[in-house]
Amino acid sequence: MMASTADEEEQRLRQIRLFLADDHGLMLQAIRMTLAPHAEIEIVGEARSGSEVLPRVAETRPDLVLLDIRMPGLDGLQVLDRLQEQFPETKVVMLSGMDEAGLAAEALKRGAKAFVGKGIDPADMAAILRQVMDGTLVTGTFGNGDGPAKSAADELGLTARECEVLGHVAAGKPNKKIAGELWLSEQTIKYHLTNVYRKLGVSSRTEAARFAYEHGLAGRDQAG
C-alpha cells in the first residue's frame, strides 16, 4: 500500500509539462540546466520570439509556460493576454530582468500566476513551478526588490543588479558562486563590485557586507 502511494506521488510530480519562452539562448540553456535534476518537470518546447509562442503551445500543449516579459515580435504581456484567451487552462509564470513593481503588478493582473525576476536563486525555480501547478501558489513575485531597502539603494545610486550582487556578498558568497546564481561571468561580477565599492565608499568585501547590514541592504538576493 505504501509503495502504491509513493508511485502515485511520483506520477503526480511527473505531470508538469513546461514550455520555455525567452529570446536569449543562454537564458534558455541556464533554465534547462537549473531544472535538469527535477525529473517531474518535462520541458516540451521553447520559443525565441513572442510570435512563436502560441503556435508552439498549440503543438505541445504544456501545463505551464515560463514566459519572458521582453520578447521580440509580440512582447510578453501581449503573449500572456493571448494565452489567457486561447489556452485558459495553461498556467503562465512571467520571467523578467526588470526590477520594476509595476510590471509585476500588471502581469499578475492579466492572469500570470507568478512574476519571477532573473536575479532569483536558481535553486528556487523548480519549487515555484511546482507550487503554481499544485495550486499552493496563486500569485506571487520573486527576485524583485521593494520597500525600505529599495529606497536606501536609490539614495546610494545602486542599480538593481548592483543590489543583487551586494546582497550575495553580504551572504558571504564568493564571486564564482554569485556569477553562477545570477547567470553572469565572474568578470561581470567584479565590474559590479567595483561600482558598488565606489558608491558605498568602501574598499573591501567585509566593509561592503557591513555597510549592507547597517543600511538594510543585506539579503536583497533573497527578495521576493
Protein backbone atom coordinates (compact mmCIF):
# COMPACT_ATOMS: atom_id res chain seq x y z
CA MET A 1 0.00 0.00 0.00
CA MET A 2 2.84 2.37 0.90
CA ALA A 3 4.63 1.55 -2.36
CA SER A 4 1.48 2.33 -4.28
CA THR A 5 1.17 5.70 -2.56
CA ALA A 6 4.80 6.51 -3.40
CA ASP A 7 4.22 5.53 -7.02
CA GLU A 8 1.16 7.77 -7.20
CA GLU A 9 3.10 10.69 -5.72
CA GLU A 10 5.94 10.21 -8.22
CA GLN A 11 3.44 10.06 -11.08
CA ARG A 12 1.77 13.25 -9.89
CA LEU A 13 5.10 15.08 -9.78
CA ARG A 14 5.99 13.93 -13.29
CA GLN A 15 2.94 15.56 -14.81
CA ILE A 16 4.39 19.07 -15.24
CA ARG A 17 4.84 19.82 -18.94
CA LEU A 18 6.79 23.09 -19.24
CA PHE A 19 7.24 25.40 -22.23
CA LEU A 20 10.06 27.99 -22.22
CA ALA A 21 9.89 31.35 -24.00
CA ASP A 22 12.92 33.65 -23.88
CA ASP A 23 14.81 35.42 -26.66
CA HIS A 24 18.21 34.77 -25.07
CA GLY A 25 19.70 31.38 -25.86
CA LEU A 26 21.96 31.46 -22.82
CA MET A 27 18.97 32.06 -20.56
CA LEU A 28 17.12 29.10 -22.07
CA GLN A 29 20.19 26.95 -21.54
CA ALA A 30 20.54 28.15 -17.94
CA ILE A 31 16.89 27.34 -17.19
CA ARG A 32 17.26 23.89 -18.73
CA MET A 33 20.34 23.23 -16.60
CA THR A 34 18.59 24.50 -13.46
CA LEU A 35 15.60 22.23 -13.99
CA ALA A 36 17.51 19.19 -15.28
CA PRO A 37 17.72 17.48 -11.85
CA HIS A 38 13.94 17.66 -11.45
CA ALA A 39 12.54 14.67 -13.32
CA GLU A 40 8.96 15.74 -12.60
CA ILE A 41 9.40 18.78 -14.88
CA GLU A 42 9.46 17.92 -18.59
CA ILE A 43 10.44 20.74 -20.96
CA VAL A 44 8.30 20.10 -24.02
CA GLY A 45 9.30 23.05 -26.19
CA GLU A 46 10.70 26.54 -26.42
CA ALA A 47 10.35 29.78 -28.37
CA ARG A 48 12.74 32.65 -29.02
CA SER A 49 10.15 35.23 -30.10
CA GLY A 50 6.68 36.23 -28.97
CA SER A 51 5.12 35.33 -32.31
CA GLU A 52 6.36 31.73 -31.99
CA VAL A 53 4.80 31.08 -28.60
CA LEU A 54 1.14 30.47 -29.43
CA PRO A 55 1.70 28.13 -32.41
CA ARG A 56 4.21 26.12 -30.40
CA VAL A 57 1.95 25.98 -27.35
CA ALA A 58 -0.83 24.70 -29.61
CA GLU A 59 1.51 21.92 -30.79
CA THR A 60 2.99 20.92 -27.43
CA ARG A 61 0.04 21.57 -25.06
CA PRO A 62 2.11 22.37 -21.95
CA ASP A 63 0.69 22.65 -18.45
CA LEU A 64 2.81 25.70 -17.74
CA VAL A 65 4.59 28.41 -19.75
CA LEU A 66 7.64 30.24 -18.39
CA LEU A 67 7.46 33.46 -20.39
CA ASP A 68 9.97 36.30 -20.65
CA ILE A 69 8.27 39.69 -20.41
CA ARG A 70 10.56 41.19 -23.08
CA MET A 71 10.18 39.29 -26.33
CA PRO A 72 10.63 40.31 -30.00
CA GLY A 73 7.57 40.20 -32.23
CA LEU A 74 4.92 40.21 -29.52
CA ASP A 75 6.03 41.26 -26.06
CA GLY A 76 5.39 39.04 -23.06
CA LEU A 77 2.29 40.84 -21.85
CA GLN A 78 0.66 40.60 -25.29
CA VAL A 79 1.50 36.90 -25.42
CA LEU A 80 0.10 36.47 -21.91
CA ASP A 81 -3.20 38.03 -22.96
CA ARG A 82 -3.49 35.69 -25.95
CA LEU A 83 -2.56 32.64 -23.92
CA GLN A 84 -5.30 33.52 -21.44
CA GLU A 85 -7.82 33.77 -24.29
CA GLN A 86 -6.79 30.72 -26.32
CA PHE A 87 -5.39 28.37 -23.67
CA PRO A 88 -7.04 29.36 -20.37
CA GLU A 89 -6.11 26.02 -18.81
CA THR A 90 -2.39 26.70 -19.31
CA LYS A 91 -0.75 28.46 -16.38
CA VAL A 92 1.81 31.22 -17.03
CA VAL A 93 4.79 32.34 -14.97
CA MET A 94 6.41 35.57 -16.16
CA LEU A 95 10.19 35.94 -16.20
CA SER A 96 11.88 39.35 -16.19
CA GLY A 97 15.25 41.01 -15.82
CA MET A 98 13.47 44.26 -14.92
CA ASP A 99 13.29 45.12 -11.21
CA GLU A 100 10.02 47.01 -11.60
CA ALA A 101 7.00 46.52 -9.35
CA GLY A 102 4.62 47.97 -11.96
CA LEU A 103 5.47 45.24 -14.47
CA ALA A 104 4.89 42.55 -11.88
CA ALA A 105 1.53 44.01 -10.85
CA GLU A 106 0.42 44.29 -14.48
CA ALA A 107 1.42 40.71 -15.30
CA LEU A 108 -0.40 39.34 -12.26
CA LYS A 109 -3.44 41.45 -13.07
CA ARG A 110 -3.54 39.95 -16.57
CA GLY A 111 -3.51 36.41 -15.23
CA ALA A 112 0.09 35.34 -14.63
CA LYS A 113 0.41 33.06 -11.62
CA ALA A 114 3.84 34.38 -10.62
CA PHE A 115 6.38 37.00 -11.65
CA VAL A 116 10.00 35.85 -11.34
CA GLY A 117 12.98 38.20 -11.57
CA LYS A 118 16.11 36.82 -13.24
CA GLY A 119 18.01 37.57 -10.04
CA ILE A 120 16.19 34.75 -8.26
CA ASP A 121 18.21 31.94 -6.75
CA PRO A 122 18.01 29.25 -9.48
CA ALA A 123 17.51 26.62 -6.78
CA ASP A 124 14.09 28.14 -6.07
CA MET A 125 12.76 27.90 -9.62
CA ALA A 126 11.53 24.29 -9.56
CA ALA A 127 9.74 24.83 -6.25
CA ILE A 128 7.91 27.88 -7.60
CA LEU A 129 6.78 25.99 -10.70
CA ARG A 130 5.54 23.08 -8.61
CA GLN A 131 3.64 25.41 -6.27
CA VAL A 132 1.97 27.11 -9.24
CA MET A 133 0.92 23.75 -10.66
CA ASP A 134 -0.44 22.26 -7.44
CA GLY A 135 -2.32 25.44 -6.57
CA THR A 136 -0.46 26.28 -3.35
CA LEU A 137 0.86 29.44 -5.03
CA VAL A 138 -1.93 31.51 -6.57
CA THR A 139 0.04 34.69 -7.31
CA GLY A 140 3.42 35.95 -6.17
CA THR A 141 6.58 37.84 -7.10
CA PHE A 142 10.12 36.56 -6.62
CA GLY A 143 13.57 38.09 -7.08
CA ASN A 144 12.33 41.69 -7.26
CA GLY A 145 13.28 44.23 -4.62
CA ASP A 146 10.94 46.65 -2.87
CA GLY A 147 10.41 48.53 0.39
CA PRO A 148 12.93 50.38 2.62
CA ALA A 149 15.93 48.58 1.17
CA LYS A 150 14.98 49.82 -2.29
CA SER A 151 14.78 53.40 -1.01
CA ALA A 152 18.25 53.09 0.52
CA ALA A 153 19.58 51.65 -2.73
CA ASP A 154 18.05 54.51 -4.73
CA GLU A 155 19.64 57.10 -2.44
CA LEU A 156 23.05 55.49 -2.93
CA GLY A 157 22.60 55.27 -6.69
CA LEU A 158 22.83 51.47 -6.74
CA THR A 159 21.30 49.68 -9.70
CA ALA A 160 19.08 46.63 -9.22
CA ARG A 161 21.91 44.34 -10.36
CA GLU A 162 24.41 46.00 -8.02
CA CYS A 163 21.97 45.45 -5.14
CA GLU A 164 21.68 41.77 -6.06
CA VAL A 165 25.47 41.39 -6.12
CA LEU A 166 25.80 43.24 -2.81
CA GLY A 167 23.16 41.01 -1.24
CA HIS A 168 25.11 37.92 -2.26
CA VAL A 169 28.36 39.42 -0.94
CA ALA A 170 26.66 40.16 2.38
CA ALA A 171 25.62 36.49 2.48
CA GLY A 172 29.30 35.55 2.28
CA LYS A 173 29.24 34.09 -1.23
CA PRO A 174 32.38 34.14 -3.44
CA ASN A 175 32.34 35.69 -6.90
CA LYS A 176 32.21 32.33 -8.67
CA LYS A 177 29.05 31.29 -6.81
CA ILE A 178 27.45 34.71 -7.32
CA ALA A 179 28.21 34.52 -11.05
CA GLY A 180 26.60 31.09 -11.28
CA GLU A 181 23.46 32.09 -9.41
CA LEU A 182 22.96 35.32 -11.39
CA TRP A 183 23.96 33.68 -14.70
CA LEU A 184 26.76 36.21 -15.22
CA SER A 185 30.52 35.92 -15.75
CA GLU A 186 32.94 36.37 -12.87
CA GLN A 187 34.41 39.37 -14.70
CA THR A 188 30.97 41.00 -14.75
CA ILE A 189 30.58 40.37 -11.02
CA LYS A 190 33.96 42.06 -10.41
CA TYR A 191 32.85 45.01 -12.53
CA HIS A 192 29.65 45.41 -10.49
CA LEU A 193 31.58 45.11 -7.22
CA THR A 194 33.97 47.86 -8.30
CA ASN A 195 30.97 50.15 -8.82
CA VAL A 196 29.40 49.05 -5.53
CA TYR A 197 32.60 49.80 -3.56
CA ARG A 198 32.85 53.24 -5.18
CA LYS A 199 29.23 54.15 -4.46
CA LEU A 200 29.37 52.91 -0.87
CA GLY A 201 32.78 54.47 -0.19
CA VAL A 202 34.32 51.14 0.89
CA SER A 203 37.34 49.19 -0.27
CA SER A 204 36.70 45.54 0.66
CA ARG A 205 34.06 42.82 0.71
CA THR A 206 33.99 42.90 4.51
CA GLU A 207 33.30 46.64 4.56
CA ALA A 208 30.65 46.26 1.83
CA ALA A 209 28.91 43.47 3.76
CA ARG A 210 28.97 45.51 6.98
CA PHE A 211 27.54 48.52 5.13
CA ALA A 212 24.80 46.33 3.62
CA TYR A 213 23.69 45.06 7.03
CA GLU A 214 23.84 48.51 8.63
CA HIS A 215 21.70 50.08 5.88
CA GLY A 216 19.16 47.30 5.33
CA LEU A 217 20.63 46.14 2.03
CA ALA A 218 21.65 42.65 3.14
CA GLY A 219 19.53 39.78 1.86
CA ARG A 220 18.45 41.60 -1.31
CA ASP A 221 19.28 38.47 -3.31
CA GLN A 222 16.54 36.68 -1.38
CA ALA A 223 13.84 39.30 -2.03
CA GLY A 224 10.51 38.08 -3.27
